[in-house]
PDB file of N, CA and C in Angstrom:
ATOM      1  N   MET A   1     229.830  76.070 130.446  1.00  0.00           N
ATOM      2  CA  MET A   1     228.512  76.007 131.003  1.00  0.00           C
ATOM      3  C   MET A   1     228.083  74.534 131.093  1.00  0.00           C
ATOM      4  N   ALA A   2     227.576  74.135 132.242  1.00  0.00           N
ATOM      5  CA  ALA A   2     227.179  72.745 132.463  1.00  0.00           C
ATOM      6  C   ALA A   2     225.875  72.443 131.733  1.00  0.00           C
ATOM      7  N   GLN A   3     225.850  71.269 131.121  1.00  0.00           N
ATOM      8  CA  GLN A   3     224.635  70.860 130.426  1.00  0.00           C
ATOM      9  C   GLN A   3     223.643  70.257 131.416  1.00  0.00           C
ATOM     10  N   THR A   4     222.378  70.523 131.187  1.00  0.00           N
ATOM     11  CA  THR A   4     221.326  69.920 131.991  1.00  0.00           C
ATOM     12  C   THR A   4     221.140  68.480 131.524  1.00  0.00           C
ATOM     13  N   PRO A   5     221.121  67.524 132.467  1.00  0.00           N
ATOM     14  CA  PRO A   5     220.930  66.131 132.045  1.00  0.00           C
ATOM     15  C   PRO A   5     219.554  65.960 131.395  1.00  0.00           C
ATOM     16  N   PRO A   6     219.443  65.060 130.434  1.00  0.00           N
ATOM     17  CA  PRO A   6     218.153  64.855 129.771  1.00  0.00           C
ATOM     18  C   PRO A   6     217.108  64.324 130.757  1.00  0.00           C
ATOM     19  N   LYS A   7     215.882  64.691 130.522  1.00  0.00           N
ATOM     20  CA  LYS A   7     214.771  64.215 131.353  1.00  0.00           C
ATOM     21  C   LYS A   7     214.322  62.843 130.861  1.00  0.00           C
ATOM     22  N   THR A   8     213.808  62.047 131.775  1.00  0.00           N
ATOM     23  CA  THR A   8     213.300  60.723 131.427  1.00  0.00           C
ATOM     24  C   THR A   8     211.820  60.645 131.783  1.00  0.00           C
ATOM     25  N   PHE A   9     211.194  59.566 131.389  1.00  0.00           N
ATOM     26  CA  PHE A   9     209.781  59.344 131.699  1.00  0.00           C
ATOM     27  C   PHE A   9     209.541  59.420 133.202  1.00  0.00           C
ATOM     28  N   LEU A  10     210.457  58.868 133.987  1.00  0.00           N
ATOM     29  CA  LEU A  10     210.274  58.844 135.435  1.00  0.00           C
ATOM     30  C   LEU A  10     210.448  60.214 136.078  1.00  0.00           C
ATOM     31  N   ASP A  11     210.928  61.192 135.327  1.00  0.00           N
ATOM     32  CA  ASP A  11     211.005  62.564 135.834  1.00  0.00           C
ATOM     33  C   ASP A  11     209.653  63.274 135.755  1.00  0.00           C
ATOM     34  N   LEU A  12     208.712  62.719 135.001  1.00  0.00           N
ATOM     35  CA  LEU A  12     207.378  63.310 134.919  1.00  0.00           C
ATOM     36  C   LEU A  12     206.668  63.172 136.262  1.00  0.00           C
ATOM     37  N   PRO A  13     205.743  64.067 136.576  1.00  0.00           N
ATOM     38  CA  PRO A  13     204.965  63.920 137.816  1.00  0.00           C
ATOM     39  C   PRO A  13     204.180  62.603 137.802  1.00  0.00           C
ATOM     40  N   ALA A  14     204.012  62.002 138.973  1.00  0.00           N
ATOM     41  CA  ALA A  14     203.325  60.711 139.087  1.00  0.00           C
ATOM     42  C   ALA A  14     201.920  60.765 138.485  1.00  0.00           C
ATOM     43  N   GLU A  15     201.214  61.874 138.663  1.00  0.00           N
ATOM     44  CA  GLU A  15     199.856  61.990 138.128  1.00  0.00           C
ATOM     45  C   GLU A  15     199.853  61.861 136.601  1.00  0.00           C
ATOM     46  N   LEU A  16     200.827  62.447 135.956  1.00  0.00           N
ATOM     47  CA  LEU A  16     200.923  62.368 134.498  1.00  0.00           C
ATOM     48  C   LEU A  16     201.320  60.958 134.054  1.00  0.00           C
ATOM     49  N   ARG A  17     202.256  60.343 134.776  1.00  0.00           N
ATOM     50  CA  ARG A  17     202.636  58.955 134.454  1.00  0.00           C
ATOM     51  C   ARG A  17     201.421  58.039 134.571  1.00  0.00           C
ATOM     52  N   ASN A  18     200.612  58.233 135.627  1.00  0.00           N
ATOM     53  CA  ASN A  18     199.421  57.396 135.813  1.00  0.00           C
ATOM     54  C   ASN A  18     198.429  57.569 134.667  1.00  0.00           C
ATOM     55  N   LYS A  19     198.262  58.786 134.181  1.00  0.00           N
ATOM     56  CA  LYS A  19     197.373  59.014 133.030  1.00  0.00           C
ATOM     57  C   LYS A  19     197.893  58.263 131.801  1.00  0.00           C
ATOM     58  N   ILE A  20     199.195  58.289 131.607  1.00  0.00           N
ATOM     59  CA  ILE A  20     199.795  57.573 130.473  1.00  0.00           C
ATOM     60  C   ILE A  20     199.600  56.070 130.637  1.00  0.00           C
ATOM     61  N   TYR A  21     199.816  55.562 131.848  1.00  0.00           N
ATOM     62  CA  TYR A  21     199.602  54.133 132.098  1.00  0.00           C
ATOM     63  C   TYR A  21     198.160  53.747 131.771  1.00  0.00           C
ATOM     64  N   GLU A  22     197.208  54.595 132.150  1.00  0.00           N
ATOM     65  CA  GLU A  22     195.801  54.299 131.869  1.00  0.00           C
ATOM     66  C   GLU A  22     195.548  54.181 130.365  1.00  0.00           C
ATOM     67  N   LEU A  23     196.277  54.946 129.579  1.00  0.00           N
ATOM     68  CA  LEU A  23     196.106  54.902 128.124  1.00  0.00           C
ATOM     69  C   LEU A  23     196.741  53.668 127.487  1.00  0.00           C
ATOM     70  N   VAL A  24     197.832  53.178 128.053  1.00  0.00           N
ATOM     71  CA  VAL A  24     198.567  52.092 127.389  1.00  0.00           C
ATOM     72  C   VAL A  24     198.322  50.706 127.981  1.00  0.00           C
ATOM     73  N   LEU A  25     197.850  50.627 129.224  1.00  0.00           N
ATOM     74  CA  LEU A  25     197.598  49.316 129.819  1.00  0.00           C
ATOM     75  C   LEU A  25     196.233  48.796 129.381  1.00  0.00           C
ATOM     76  N   PRO A  26     196.104  47.467 129.227  1.00  0.00           N
ATOM     77  CA  PRO A  26     194.802  46.908 128.872  1.00  0.00           C
ATOM     78  C   PRO A  26     193.773  47.198 129.962  1.00  0.00           C
ATOM     79  N   SER A  27     192.517  47.277 129.557  1.00  0.00           N
ATOM     80  CA  SER A  27     191.438  47.439 130.536  1.00  0.00           C
ATOM     81  C   SER A  27     190.226  46.650 130.065  1.00  0.00           C
ATOM     82  N   ASN A  28     189.391  46.267 131.022  1.00  0.00           N
ATOM     83  CA  ASN A  28     188.170  45.500 130.747  1.00  0.00           C
ATOM     84  C   ASN A  28     188.457  44.180 130.034  1.00  0.00           C
ATOM     85  N   ALA A  29     189.611  43.601 130.287  1.00  0.00           N
ATOM     86  CA  ALA A  29     189.972  42.316 129.681  1.00  0.00           C
ATOM     87  C   ALA A  29     189.811  41.207 130.716  1.00  0.00           C
ATOM     88  N   LEU A  30     189.622  39.994 130.249  1.00  0.00           N
ATOM     89  CA  LEU A  30     189.601  38.831 131.124  1.00  0.00           C
ATOM     90  C   LEU A  30     191.010  38.258 131.135  1.00  0.00           C
ATOM     91  N   ILE A  31     191.663  38.307 132.286  1.00  0.00           N
ATOM     92  CA  ILE A  31     193.039  37.842 132.434  1.00  0.00           C
ATOM     93  C   ILE A  31     193.010  36.464 133.095  1.00  0.00           C
ATOM     94  N   THR A  32     193.512  35.444 132.407  1.00  0.00           N
ATOM     95  CA  THR A  32     193.570  34.093 132.955  1.00  0.00           C
ATOM     96  C   THR A  32     194.915  33.895 133.630  1.00  0.00           C
ATOM     97  N   ILE A  33     194.858  33.449 134.887  1.00  0.00           N
ATOM     98  CA  ILE A  33     196.071  33.238 135.674  1.00  0.00           C
ATOM     99  C   ILE A  33     196.095  31.788 136.126  1.00  0.00           C
ATOM    100  N   GLY A  34     197.253  31.143 135.984  1.00  0.00           N
ATOM    101  CA  GLY A  34     197.399  29.763 136.414  1.00  0.00           C
ATOM    102  C   GLY A  34     197.004  28.796 135.311  1.00  0.00           C
ATOM    103  N   GLY A  35     197.003  27.529 135.643  1.00  0.00           N
ATOM    104  CA  GLY A  35     196.630  26.521 134.663  1.00  0.00           C
ATOM    105  C   GLY A  35     197.620  26.394 133.523  1.00  0.00           C
ATOM    106  N   GLY A  36     198.887  26.733 133.769  1.00  0.00           N
ATOM    107  CA  GLY A  36     199.917  26.588 132.754  1.00  0.00           C
ATOM    108  C   GLY A  36     199.946  27.702 131.729  1.00  0.00           C
ATOM    109  N   GLU A  37     199.211  28.772 131.977  1.00  0.00           N
ATOM    110  CA  GLU A  37     199.199  29.900 131.038  1.00  0.00           C
ATOM    111  C   GLU A  37     200.534  30.632 131.078  1.00  0.00           C
ATOM    112  N   ALA A  38     200.879  31.253 129.971  1.00  0.00           N
ATOM    113  CA  ALA A  38     202.078  32.095 129.919  1.00  0.00           C
ATOM    114  C   ALA A  38     201.838  33.342 130.766  1.00  0.00           C
ATOM    115  N   SER A  39     202.857  34.140 130.949  1.00  0.00           N
ATOM    116  CA  SER A  39     202.740  35.352 131.754  1.00  0.00           C
ATOM    117  C   SER A  39     201.580  36.206 131.265  1.00  0.00           C
ATOM    118  N   HIS A  40     200.796  36.679 132.190  1.00  0.00           N
ATOM    119  CA  HIS A  40     199.622  37.483 131.872  1.00  0.00           C
ATOM    120  C   HIS A  40     199.886  38.978 132.061  1.00  0.00           C
ATOM    121  N   GLN A  41     201.044  39.320 132.583  1.00  0.00           N
ATOM    122  CA  GLN A  41     201.347  40.718 132.879  1.00  0.00           C
ATOM    123  C   GLN A  41     201.915  41.423 131.650  1.00  0.00           C
ATOM    124  N   PRO A  42     201.483  42.664 131.427  1.00  0.00           N
ATOM    125  CA  PRO A  42     202.012  43.416 130.283  1.00  0.00           C
ATOM    126  C   PRO A  42     203.518  43.630 130.408  1.00  0.00           C
ATOM    127  N   ASP A  43     204.178  43.750 129.278  1.00  0.00           N
ATOM    128  CA  ASP A  43     205.628  43.959 129.271  1.00  0.00           C
ATOM    129  C   ASP A  43     206.028  45.202 130.056  1.00  0.00           C
ATOM    130  N   LEU A  44     205.168  46.211 130.072  1.00  0.00           N
ATOM    131  CA  LEU A  44     205.471  47.448 130.793  1.00  0.00           C
ATOM    132  C   LEU A  44     205.754  47.188 132.271  1.00  0.00           C
ATOM    133  N   THR A  45     205.130  46.150 132.841  1.00  0.00           N
ATOM    134  CA  THR A  45     205.349  45.845 134.259  1.00  0.00           C
ATOM    135  C   THR A  45     206.723  45.240 134.515  1.00  0.00           C
ATOM    136  N   MET A  46     207.432  44.898 133.446  1.00  0.00           N
ATOM    137  CA  MET A  46     208.726  44.233 133.597  1.00  0.00           C
ATOM    138  C   MET A  46     209.911  45.115 133.221  1.00  0.00           C
ATOM    139  N   VAL A  47     209.658  46.406 133.019  1.00  0.00           N
ATOM    140  CA  VAL A  47     210.733  47.330 132.643  1.00  0.00           C
ATOM    141  C   VAL A  47     211.727  47.494 133.785  1.00  0.00           C
ATOM    142  N   ASN A  48     211.219  47.822 134.963  1.00  0.00           N
ATOM    143  CA  ASN A  48     212.049  47.930 136.164  1.00  0.00           C
ATOM    144  C   ASN A  48     211.135  47.919 137.385  1.00  0.00           C
ATOM    145  N   ARG A  49     211.703  47.962 138.570  1.00  0.00           N
ATOM    146  CA  ARG A  49     210.899  47.854 139.793  1.00  0.00           C
ATOM    147  C   ARG A  49     209.918  49.008 139.961  1.00  0.00           C
ATOM    148  N   GLN A  50     210.336  50.198 139.608  1.00  0.00           N
ATOM    149  CA  GLN A  50     209.437  51.340 139.772  1.00  0.00           C
ATOM    150  C   GLN A  50     208.242  51.229 138.825  1.00  0.00           C
ATOM    151  N   PHE A  51     208.486  50.872 137.576  1.00  0.00           N
ATOM    152  CA  PHE A  51     207.375  50.680 136.645  1.00  0.00           C
ATOM    153  C   PHE A  51     206.438  49.601 137.178  1.00  0.00           C
ATOM    154  N   ARG A  52     207.006  48.511 137.689  1.00  0.00           N
ATOM    155  CA  ARG A  52     206.192  47.414 138.222  1.00  0.00           C
ATOM    156  C   ARG A  52     205.313  47.899 139.369  1.00  0.00           C
ATOM    157  N   ARG A  53     205.910  48.644 140.300  1.00  0.00           N
ATOM    158  CA  ARG A  53     205.146  49.192 141.435  1.00  0.00           C
ATOM    159  C   ARG A  53     204.014  50.098 140.956  1.00  0.00           C
ATOM    160  N   GLU A  54     204.292  50.891 139.959  1.00  0.00           N
ATOM    161  CA  GLU A  54     203.327  51.884 139.500  1.00  0.00           C
ATOM    162  C   GLU A  54     202.245  51.306 138.588  1.00  0.00           C
ATOM    163  N   THR A  55     202.499  50.179 137.938  1.00  0.00           N
ATOM    164  CA  THR A  55     201.555  49.682 136.936  1.00  0.00           C
ATOM    165  C   THR A  55     200.757  48.444 137.342  1.00  0.00           C
ATOM    166  N   LEU A  56     201.298  47.579 138.187  1.00  0.00           N
ATOM    167  CA  LEU A  56     200.604  46.318 138.477  1.00  0.00           C
ATOM    168  C   LEU A  56     199.242  46.527 139.126  1.00  0.00           C
ATOM    169  N   GLY A  57     199.166  47.386 140.129  1.00  0.00           N
ATOM    170  CA  GLY A  57     197.888  47.631 140.796  1.00  0.00           C
ATOM    171  C   GLY A  57     196.841  48.155 139.829  1.00  0.00           C
ATOM    172  N   LEU A  58     197.240  49.082 138.993  1.00  0.00           N
ATOM    173  CA  LEU A  58     196.331  49.646 137.996  1.00  0.00           C
ATOM    174  C   LEU A  58     195.891  48.570 137.000  1.00  0.00           C
ATOM    175  N   PHE A  59     196.828  47.747 136.562  1.00  0.00           N
ATOM    176  CA  PHE A  59     196.520  46.664 135.625  1.00  0.00           C
ATOM    177  C   PHE A  59     195.480  45.710 136.212  1.00  0.00           C
ATOM    178  N   TYR A  60     195.686  45.260 137.453  1.00  0.00           N
ATOM    179  CA  TYR A  60     194.746  44.323 138.063  1.00  0.00           C
ATOM    180  C   TYR A  60     193.409  44.987 138.381  1.00  0.00           C
ATOM    181  N   ALA A  61     193.422  46.256 138.758  1.00  0.00           N
ATOM    182  CA  ALA A  61     192.180  46.955 139.102  1.00  0.00           C
ATOM    183  C   ALA A  61     191.281  47.162 137.886  1.00  0.00           C
ATOM    184  N   ARG A  62     191.856  47.264 136.704  1.00  0.00           N
ATOM    185  CA  ARG A  62     191.089  47.602 135.503  1.00  0.00           C
ATOM    186  C   ARG A  62     190.668  46.386 134.678  1.00  0.00           C
ATOM    187  N   ASN A  63     190.971  45.183 135.163  1.00  0.00           N
ATOM    188  CA  ASN A  63     190.659  43.967 134.415  1.00  0.00           C
ATOM    189  C   ASN A  63     189.986  42.942 135.314  1.00  0.00           C
ATOM    190  N   ARG A  64     189.409  41.913 134.698  1.00  0.00           N
ATOM    191  CA  ARG A  64     188.798  40.816 135.444  1.00  0.00           C
ATOM    192  C   ARG A  64     189.780  39.644 135.462  1.00  0.00           C
ATOM    193  N   LEU A  65     189.831  38.939 136.585  1.00  0.00           N
ATOM    194  CA  LEU A  65     190.771  37.826 136.724  1.00  0.00           C
ATOM    195  C   LEU A  65     190.029  36.499 136.739  1.00  0.00           C
ATOM    196  N   ASP A  66     190.547  35.536 135.998  1.00  0.00           N
ATOM    197  CA  ASP A  66     190.065  34.161 136.005  1.00  0.00           C
ATOM    198  C   ASP A  66     191.224  33.323 136.533  1.00  0.00           C
ATOM    199  N   VAL A  67     191.131  32.932 137.815  1.00  0.00           N
ATOM    200  CA  VAL A  67     192.226  32.199 138.463  1.00  0.00           C
ATOM    201  C   VAL A  67     191.962  30.711 138.302  1.00  0.00           C
ATOM    202  N   ARG A  68     192.887  30.013 137.615  1.00  0.00           N
ATOM    203  CA  ARG A  68     192.741  28.587 137.320  1.00  0.00           C
ATOM    204  C   ARG A  68     193.621  27.748 138.242  1.00  0.00           C
ATOM    205  N   GLY A  69     193.260  26.464 138.371  1.00  0.00           N
ATOM    206  CA  GLY A  69     194.060  25.532 139.154  1.00  0.00           C
ATOM    207  C   GLY A  69     193.242  24.950 140.288  1.00  0.00           C
ATOM    208  N   ASP A  70     193.857  24.042 141.044  1.00  0.00           N
ATOM    209  CA  ASP A  70     193.161  23.478 142.194  1.00  0.00           C
ATOM    210  C   ASP A  70     193.141  24.517 143.320  1.00  0.00           C
ATOM    211  N   ASP A  71     192.465  24.186 144.420  1.00  0.00           N
ATOM    212  CA  ASP A  71     192.307  25.147 145.518  1.00  0.00           C
ATOM    213  C   ASP A  71     193.646  25.655 146.036  1.00  0.00           C
ATOM    214  N   HIS A  72     194.603  24.754 146.199  1.00  0.00           N
ATOM    215  CA  HIS A  72     195.920  25.142 146.719  1.00  0.00           C
ATOM    216  C   HIS A  72     196.597  26.132 145.775  1.00  0.00           C
ATOM    217  N   GLN A  73     196.537  25.860 144.485  1.00  0.00           N
ATOM    218  CA  GLN A  73     197.156  26.758 143.499  1.00  0.00           C
ATOM    219  C   GLN A  73     196.463  28.116 143.481  1.00  0.00           C
ATOM    220  N   ARG A  74     195.135  28.123 143.560  1.00  0.00           N
ATOM    221  CA  ARG A  74     194.401  29.392 143.538  1.00  0.00           C
ATOM    222  C   ARG A  74     194.720  30.235 144.761  1.00  0.00           C
ATOM    223  N   VAL A  75     194.805  29.604 145.930  1.00  0.00           N
ATOM    224  CA  VAL A  75     195.156  30.343 147.147  1.00  0.00           C
ATOM    225  C   VAL A  75     196.548  30.942 147.005  1.00  0.00           C
ATOM    226  N   ALA A  76     197.496  30.182 146.471  1.00  0.00           N
ATOM    227  CA  ALA A  76     198.865  30.683 146.287  1.00  0.00           C
ATOM    228  C   ALA A  76     198.888  31.861 145.317  1.00  0.00           C
ATOM    229  N   ILE A  77     198.107  31.786 144.249  1.00  0.00           N
ATOM    230  CA  ILE A  77     198.061  32.880 143.272  1.00  0.00           C
ATOM    231  C   ILE A  77     197.476  34.134 143.902  1.00  0.00           C
ATOM    232  N   VAL A  78     196.361  33.993 144.610  1.00  0.00           N
ATOM    233  CA  VAL A  78     195.731  35.157 145.247  1.00  0.00           C
ATOM    234  C   VAL A  78     196.658  35.754 146.298  1.00  0.00           C
ATOM    235  N   TYR A  79     197.345  34.915 147.054  1.00  0.00           N
ATOM    236  CA  TYR A  79     198.296  35.416 148.054  1.00  0.00           C
ATOM    237  C   TYR A  79     199.403  36.229 147.379  1.00  0.00           C
ATOM    238  N   THR A  80     199.893  35.748 146.250  1.00  0.00           N
ATOM    239  CA  THR A  80     200.943  36.454 145.512  1.00  0.00           C
ATOM    240  C   THR A  80     200.435  37.785 144.960  1.00  0.00           C
ATOM    241  N   LEU A  81     199.204  37.802 144.489  1.00  0.00           N
ATOM    242  CA  LEU A  81     198.641  39.015 143.890  1.00  0.00           C
ATOM    243  C   LEU A  81     198.148  40.027 144.913  1.00  0.00           C
ATOM    244  N   SER A  82     197.848  39.595 146.128  1.00  0.00           N
ATOM    245  CA  SER A  82     197.175  40.459 147.100  1.00  0.00           C
ATOM    246  C   SER A  82     197.818  41.825 147.325  1.00  0.00           C
ATOM    247  N   PRO A  83     199.143  41.977 147.313  1.00  0.00           N
ATOM    248  CA  PRO A  83     199.684  43.329 147.495  1.00  0.00           C
ATOM    249  C   PRO A  83     199.308  44.279 146.358  1.00  0.00           C
ATOM    250  N   HIS A  84     198.922  43.739 145.208  1.00  0.00           N
ATOM    251  CA  HIS A  84     198.624  44.563 144.037  1.00  0.00           C
ATOM    252  C   HIS A  84     197.136  44.788 143.835  1.00  0.00           C
ATOM    253  N   LEU A  85     196.308  44.132 144.664  1.00  0.00           N
ATOM    254  CA  LEU A  85     194.854  44.247 144.485  1.00  0.00           C
ATOM    255  C   LEU A  85     194.274  45.312 145.375  1.00  0.00           C
TER     256      LEU A  85
END
């Protein structure tokens, strides 16, 4: 008899994954971007491409952003973030 392969987190319905993301991702935080700061993105966004796609928009939507740097740097940062906002 063939064994059923084990289920993974990504096998859960997207709605349930999103609820879990809401519980584990920071919210209502002030996120500083630029100005030589270390990475501001949660480790969960760096697990794989699918996690990144599913979590970055939610992360940015639930927090406030403080974009540092000169005008050129700020424009570049906003341009980079725009697909996730």
